[in-house]
């Protein structure tokens, strides 16, 4: 593998690391916003808000609006979750392409 291949491999590894960091940050942000709400529901409450991790439809939009009205800004946005997914997929795809070209 030449210098260009090593640079692409380094960039792919960086994309994977960034994707994992974005996913961890999204998970922590999601849990901090929906955790207090879900704890009022009892056991399994946060699991009920799992779709809010990747979507802002239905009850998730309602809860985000309530959190904003209550001054809990910024309310969770799934954009960070999807940014992490894209970074992970791009990094993994680059690694696979490099592995096939060897």
Protein backbone atom coordinates (compact mmCIF):
# COMPACT_ATOMS: atom_id res chain seq x y z
CA UNK A 1 0.00 0.00 0.00
CA UNK A 2 1.40 3.36 -1.02
CA UNK A 3 1.33 6.68 0.77
CA UNK A 4 -2.12 7.50 -0.65
CA UNK A 5 -3.49 4.18 0.59
CA UNK A 6 -2.08 4.77 4.07
CA UNK A 7 -3.59 8.26 4.12
CA UNK A 8 -7.00 6.87 3.13
CA UNK A 9 -6.71 4.14 5.77
CA UNK A 10 -5.87 6.78 8.38
CA UNK A 11 -8.80 8.91 7.27
CA UNK A 12 -11.12 5.89 7.38
CA UNK A 13 -9.98 5.08 10.91
CA UNK A 14 -10.54 8.70 11.90
CA UNK A 15 -14.06 8.58 10.43
CA UNK A 16 -14.83 5.45 12.45
CA UNK A 17 -13.47 7.01 15.64
CA UNK A 18 -15.45 10.20 15.03
CA UNK A 19 -18.57 8.16 14.30
CA UNK A 20 -18.21 6.29 17.59
CA UNK A 21 -17.70 9.58 19.44
CA UNK A 22 -20.79 11.07 17.78
CA UNK A 23 -22.83 7.99 18.70
CA UNK A 24 -21.68 8.14 22.32
CA UNK A 25 -22.48 11.86 22.51
CA UNK A 26 -25.91 11.31 20.91
CA UNK A 27 -26.69 8.51 23.35
CA UNK A 28 -25.66 10.62 26.35
CA UNK A 29 -27.62 13.64 25.09
CA UNK A 30 -30.70 11.51 24.36
CA UNK A 31 -30.55 9.88 27.80
CA UNK A 32 -30.16 13.25 29.53
CA UNK A 33 -33.24 14.65 27.78
CA UNK A 34 -35.52 11.60 27.83
CA UNK A 35 -34.22 9.94 31.02
CA UNK A 36 -36.04 12.21 33.50
CA UNK A 37 -39.25 11.91 31.49
CA UNK A 38 -38.96 8.15 31.16
CA UNK A 39 -38.13 7.62 34.83
CA UNK A 40 -41.62 8.87 35.65
CA UNK A 41 -43.00 5.95 33.62
CA UNK A 42 -41.31 3.36 35.81
CA UNK A 43 -39.36 0.30 34.63
CA UNK A 44 -38.63 0.22 30.91
CA UNK A 45 -39.45 3.89 30.54
CA UNK A 46 -36.31 4.88 28.64
CA UNK A 47 -36.74 1.88 26.36
CA UNK A 48 -40.09 3.33 25.33
CA UNK A 49 -38.27 6.43 24.09
CA UNK A 50 -35.75 4.45 22.01
CA UNK A 51 -37.28 5.61 18.73
CA UNK A 52 -36.54 9.20 19.80
CA UNK A 53 -32.83 8.37 19.48
CA UNK A 54 -33.11 8.27 15.68
CA UNK A 55 -36.40 10.04 14.92
CA UNK A 56 -38.24 13.21 15.82
CA UNK A 57 -41.73 12.08 14.88
CA UNK A 58 -44.86 11.68 16.94
CA UNK A 59 -44.37 11.73 20.67
CA UNK A 60 -40.68 12.58 20.27
CA UNK A 61 -41.52 15.93 18.66
CA UNK A 62 -44.07 16.58 21.39
CA UNK A 63 -41.57 15.85 24.16
CA UNK A 64 -38.90 17.97 22.45
CA UNK A 65 -41.35 20.88 22.22
CA UNK A 66 -42.24 20.51 25.90
CA UNK A 67 -38.57 20.40 26.86
CA UNK A 68 -37.97 23.56 24.84
CA UNK A 69 -40.92 25.32 26.46
CA UNK A 70 -39.68 24.30 29.90
CA UNK A 71 -36.29 25.84 29.19
CA UNK A 72 -34.41 22.57 28.72
CA UNK A 73 -32.56 23.79 25.66
CA UNK A 74 -31.17 22.49 23.50
CA UNK A 75 -33.61 19.64 23.23
CA UNK A 76 -32.27 16.42 21.70
CA UNK A 77 -31.89 16.30 17.93
CA UNK A 78 -31.35 12.97 16.12
CA UNK A 79 -29.07 14.73 13.61
CA UNK A 80 -26.03 13.90 15.75
CA UNK A 81 -27.03 10.22 15.79
CA UNK A 82 -27.32 10.17 11.99
CA UNK A 83 -24.03 12.05 11.57
CA UNK A 84 -22.36 9.31 13.60
CA UNK A 85 -23.99 6.58 11.51
CA UNK A 86 -22.80 8.24 8.27
CA UNK A 87 -19.24 8.62 9.61
CA UNK A 88 -19.17 4.98 10.74
CA UNK A 89 -20.50 3.72 7.39
CA UNK A 90 -18.08 5.83 5.36
CA UNK A 91 -15.11 4.72 7.44
CA UNK A 92 -16.11 1.06 7.28
CA UNK A 93 -16.74 1.25 3.52
CA UNK A 94 -13.32 2.84 2.95
CA UNK A 95 -11.64 0.09 4.97
CA UNK A 96 -13.49 -2.60 2.99
CA UNK A 97 -12.56 -1.03 -0.33
CA UNK A 98 -8.91 -0.80 0.72
CA UNK A 99 -8.93 -4.41 1.89
CA UNK A 100 -10.32 -5.58 -1.47
CA UNK A 101 -7.76 -3.60 -3.45
CA UNK A 102 -4.81 -5.37 -1.79
